[in-house]
């Protein structure tokens, strides 16, 4: 598949991931009496990944995440020259999704753009976790996310089940880490909401690029050592 088509698929996939996942947190998680809570938000992120992986995974590989793209490259399954176009498409998709979500959510008078949408540590963390805690959980969760992605998409793995494994993995990751960082493991997903939340959220954005990329690189190298592709 040509690069423009693949980049377009990454844009749509990252849009849906950001809009569906962050939208569930902003619009539904704390809705009076009927809020979906942490479990609902976690499931929403998993379902967005699962559905779009089935929809466009055959076009682009269903990365929807700069850390995934870099991790897949580190695992020896992606060309270095395609990293930048993928990352640009992913970040653009997340920003557009955050803009649409902002327009929808701002129709409510007491709307606050932070909350579940933008990642943070310290006072911006739901549980007020420290910088070290947030750094560690983002690295560890991204590491295992990539291990699952690279393992389930290996030529030796059962064909056709990768989107299910990926979606369930992202759901589990959110169940673990939502109280700590509001779960990034995805620099694009973090960038879109942070631009609209502004202030300290932008100032903390560096961690949500650094930690997922470190985790993804480690996973790519480990996966390549564990299961060298023939």
Protein backbone atom coordinates (compact mmCIF):
# COMPACT_ATOMS: atom_id res chain seq x y z
CA UNK A 1 0.00 0.00 0.00
CA UNK A 2 1.30 3.47 -0.92
CA UNK A 3 2.48 5.79 1.84
CA UNK A 4 -0.30 8.41 1.40
CA UNK A 5 -2.94 5.73 1.91
CA UNK A 6 -1.13 4.34 4.93
CA UNK A 7 -0.70 7.81 6.45
CA UNK A 8 -4.38 8.53 5.85
CA UNK A 9 -5.33 5.35 7.68
CA UNK A 10 -3.09 6.35 10.58
CA UNK A 11 -4.77 9.76 10.72
CA UNK A 12 -8.25 8.21 10.89
CA UNK A 13 -7.22 5.57 13.39
CA UNK A 14 -5.55 8.05 15.73
CA UNK A 15 -8.52 10.42 15.40
CA UNK A 16 -10.91 7.65 16.47
CA UNK A 17 -8.65 6.52 19.30
CA UNK A 18 -8.37 10.05 20.71
CA UNK A 19 -11.98 11.02 20.10
CA UNK A 20 -13.43 7.79 21.44
CA UNK A 21 -11.09 7.28 24.36
CA UNK A 22 -10.71 10.87 25.56
CA UNK A 23 -14.31 11.60 24.63
CA UNK A 24 -15.54 8.85 26.91
CA UNK A 25 -13.58 10.41 29.76
CA UNK A 26 -14.64 13.99 29.13
CA UNK A 27 -18.28 13.39 28.22
CA UNK A 28 -19.30 10.19 29.98
CA UNK A 29 -16.97 9.23 32.83
CA UNK A 30 -18.35 11.67 35.38
CA UNK A 31 -21.86 12.11 34.01
CA UNK A 32 -24.24 12.51 36.99
CA UNK A 33 -25.34 9.13 38.38
CA UNK A 34 -24.77 7.29 35.10
CA UNK A 35 -21.05 7.88 34.64
CA UNK A 36 -19.02 5.07 33.10
CA UNK A 37 -16.03 5.56 35.46
CA UNK A 38 -12.52 4.16 35.05
CA UNK A 39 -13.71 0.81 33.69
CA UNK A 40 -15.80 2.48 31.02
CA UNK A 41 -12.98 4.75 29.90
CA UNK A 42 -10.56 1.82 29.78
CA UNK A 43 -13.01 -0.17 27.69
CA UNK A 44 -13.58 2.78 25.36
CA UNK A 45 -9.85 3.06 24.59
CA UNK A 46 -9.62 -0.67 23.99
CA UNK A 47 -12.66 -0.70 21.72
CA UNK A 48 -11.42 2.23 19.64
CA UNK A 49 -8.14 0.43 18.99
CA UNK A 50 -9.80 -2.92 18.32
CA UNK A 51 -12.37 -1.52 15.88
CA UNK A 52 -9.94 0.59 13.87
CA UNK A 53 -7.31 -2.16 13.83
CA UNK A 54 -9.86 -4.35 12.08
CA UNK A 55 -10.99 -1.46 9.85
CA UNK A 56 -7.65 -0.15 8.57
CA UNK A 57 -4.99 -2.45 10.01
CA UNK A 58 -4.57 -4.09 6.61
CA UNK A 59 -3.71 -0.67 5.17
CA UNK A 60 -1.25 0.82 7.66
CA UNK A 61 -0.58 -1.80 10.31
CA UNK A 62 -2.78 0.03 12.84
CA UNK A 63 -0.11 1.87 14.80
CA UNK A 64 -2.14 5.00 15.73
CA UNK A 65 0.68 5.91 18.10
CA UNK A 66 4.21 7.31 17.52
CA UNK A 67 5.59 5.01 20.22
CA UNK A 68 4.17 1.98 18.41
CA UNK A 69 5.70 3.13 15.12
CA UNK A 70 9.10 3.58 16.77
CA UNK A 71 8.79 0.27 18.63
CA UNK A 72 7.88 -1.61 15.46
CA UNK A 73 10.89 -0.03 13.77
CA UNK A 74 13.12 -1.08 16.69
CA UNK A 75 11.73 -4.59 16.27
CA UNK A 76 12.96 -4.62 12.68
CA UNK A 77 9.55 -4.52 11.00
CA UNK A 78 9.29 -0.94 9.78
CA UNK A 79 11.31 1.34 7.52
CA UNK A 80 13.01 4.29 9.20
CA UNK A 81 12.03 6.54 6.31
CA UNK A 82 8.33 6.02 7.02
CA UNK A 83 8.51 6.97 10.71
CA UNK A 84 8.10 10.74 10.23
CA UNK A 85 5.07 10.56 7.88
CA UNK A 86 3.36 8.15 10.26
CA UNK A 87 4.08 10.32 13.31
CA UNK A 88 2.88 13.48 11.56
CA UNK A 89 -0.36 11.77 10.53
CA UNK A 90 -0.90 10.40 14.04
CA UNK A 91 -0.32 13.72 15.79
CA UNK A 92 -2.53 15.51 13.27
CA UNK A 93 -5.32 12.99 13.83
CA UNK A 94 -5.09 13.44 17.60
CA UNK A 95 -5.14 17.24 17.37
CA UNK A 96 -8.17 17.30 15.06
CA UNK A 97 -9.97 14.82 17.33
CA UNK A 98 -9.20 16.95 20.39
CA UNK A 99 -10.48 20.04 18.56
CA UNK A 100 -13.77 18.34 17.67
CA UNK A 101 -14.12 17.02 21.20
CA UNK A 102 -13.40 20.47 22.62
CA UNK A 103 -16.14 22.01 20.46
CA UNK A 104 -18.64 19.39 21.60
CA UNK A 105 -17.72 19.46 25.28
CA UNK A 106 -17.54 23.24 25.53
CA UNK A 107 -21.29 23.32 24.93
CA UNK A 108 -21.64 22.48 28.62
CA UNK A 109 -21.25 25.63 30.78
CA UNK A 110 -19.10 24.00 33.50
CA UNK A 111 -16.88 22.11 31.06
CA UNK A 112 -13.25 21.72 32.15
CA UNK A 113 -10.83 20.70 29.39
CA UNK A 114 -8.42 18.97 31.80
CA UNK A 115 -9.91 16.14 33.80
CA UNK A 116 -9.68 12.85 31.97
CA UNK A 117 -8.53 14.32 28.67
CA UNK A 118 -4.99 15.57 29.29
CA UNK A 119 -2.21 13.52 30.88
CA UNK A 120 -0.29 14.79 33.88
CA UNK A 121 1.80 14.04 36.95
CA UNK A 122 1.88 15.54 40.42
CA UNK A 123 -1.08 17.88 40.94
CA UNK A 124 -2.31 17.11 37.41
CA UNK A 125 -2.49 13.38 38.12
CA UNK A 126 -5.88 12.09 39.28
CA UNK A 127 -4.14 10.46 42.23
CA UNK A 128 -1.46 13.17 42.54
CA UNK A 129 1.32 10.67 41.82
CA UNK A 130 4.95 11.76 41.67
CA UNK A 131 6.97 12.32 38.52
CA UNK A 132 8.91 9.08 39.11
CA UNK A 133 5.73 7.05 39.56
CA UNK A 134 4.26 8.43 36.34
CA UNK A 135 7.50 7.92 34.42
CA UNK A 136 7.79 4.30 35.53
CA UNK A 137 4.20 3.32 34.81
CA UNK A 138 4.29 4.86 31.34
CA UNK A 139 7.54 3.08 30.45
CA UNK A 140 6.37 -0.29 31.81
CA UNK A 141 2.89 -0.13 30.28
CA UNK A 142 4.22 0.93 26.88
CA UNK A 143 6.84 -1.79 27.01
CA UNK A 144 4.27 -4.52 27.52
CA UNK A 145 1.87 -2.93 25.03
CA UNK A 146 4.56 -3.24 22.35
CA UNK A 147 5.53 -6.75 23.43
CA UNK A 148 1.88 -7.76 22.93
CA UNK A 149 1.61 -5.94 19.59
CA UNK A 150 4.84 -7.39 18.21
CA UNK A 151 4.04 -10.85 19.49
CA UNK A 152 0.46 -10.97 18.24
CA UNK A 153 1.46 -9.67 14.79
CA UNK A 154 4.41 -12.01 14.37
CA UNK A 155 4.44 -14.28 11.35
CA UNK A 156 4.36 -17.19 13.81
CA UNK A 157 1.26 -15.94 15.68
CA UNK A 158 -2.31 -17.02 14.91
CA UNK A 159 -3.53 -14.92 12.01
CA UNK A 160 -6.41 -12.51 12.48
CA UNK A 161 -6.39 -12.22 16.27
CA UNK A 162 -3.94 -9.34 16.70
CA UNK A 163 -6.58 -6.55 16.90
CA UNK A 164 -8.31 -8.39 19.74
CA UNK A 165 -5.07 -8.81 21.69
CA UNK A 166 -4.16 -5.17 21.08
CA UNK A 167 -7.57 -3.87 22.13
CA UNK A 168 -7.67 -5.95 25.30
CA UNK A 169 -4.09 -4.93 26.12
CA UNK A 170 -4.95 -1.24 25.86
CA UNK A 171 -8.02 -1.78 28.03
CA UNK A 172 -5.95 -3.50 30.72
CA UNK A 173 -3.29 -0.79 30.57
CA UNK A 174 -5.93 1.86 31.21
CA UNK A 175 -7.41 -0.12 34.09
CA UNK A 176 -3.97 -0.14 35.69
CA UNK A 177 -2.76 3.38 35.03
CA UNK A 178 -5.72 5.76 34.69
CA UNK A 179 -5.43 6.99 38.31
CA UNK A 180 -1.71 7.62 37.88
CA UNK A 181 -1.31 9.52 34.60
CA UNK A 182 -4.76 9.24 33.00
CA UNK A 183 -2.85 6.81 30.74
CA UNK A 184 -0.86 7.98 27.79
CA UNK A 185 1.35 5.21 26.31
CA UNK A 186 0.79 7.31 23.19
CA UNK A 187 2.48 10.67 22.51
CA UNK A 188 -0.08 11.66 19.85
CA UNK A 189 -3.03 10.97 22.14
CA UNK A 190 -1.34 13.13 24.79
CA UNK A 191 -0.48 16.00 22.47
CA UNK A 192 -3.97 16.71 21.11
CA UNK A 193 -5.75 17.24 24.46
CA UNK A 194 -2.73 19.03 26.00
CA UNK A 195 -2.85 21.73 23.31
CA UNK A 196 -6.41 22.57 24.34
CA UNK A 197 -5.86 22.16 28.08
CA UNK A 198 -2.83 24.47 27.86
CA UNK A 199 -0.62 25.72 30.66
CA UNK A 200 0.91 23.07 32.89
CA UNK A 201 -0.40 20.26 30.70
CA UNK A 202 1.81 21.44 27.84
CA UNK A 203 4.70 21.87 30.26
CA UNK A 204 4.39 18.22 31.29
CA UNK A 205 3.96 16.88 27.77
CA UNK A 206 7.64 15.98 27.49
CA UNK A 207 7.15 13.01 29.83
CA UNK A 208 4.36 11.59 27.69
CA UNK A 209 6.65 11.60 24.67
CA UNK A 210 9.80 10.41 26.44
CA UNK A 211 8.40 7.55 28.54
CA UNK A 212 6.33 5.82 25.81
CA UNK A 213 9.19 6.05 23.32
CA UNK A 214 11.67 4.59 25.83
CA UNK A 215 9.27 1.76 26.64
CA UNK A 216 8.62 1.10 22.96
CA UNK A 217 12.30 1.02 22.03
CA UNK A 218 13.07 -1.43 24.83
CA UNK A 219 10.19 -3.64 23.75
CA UNK A 220 11.28 -3.55 20.12
CA UNK A 221 14.79 -4.66 20.97
CA UNK A 222 13.60 -7.35 23.39
CA UNK A 223 11.04 -8.67 20.95
CA UNK A 224 13.60 -8.80 18.16
CA UNK A 225 15.88 -10.86 20.40
CA UNK A 226 13.08 -13.19 21.49
CA UNK A 227 11.49 -13.78 18.10
CA UNK A 228 13.79 -12.91 15.21
CA UNK A 229 11.75 -12.82 12.02
CA UNK A 230 12.73 -15.27 9.29
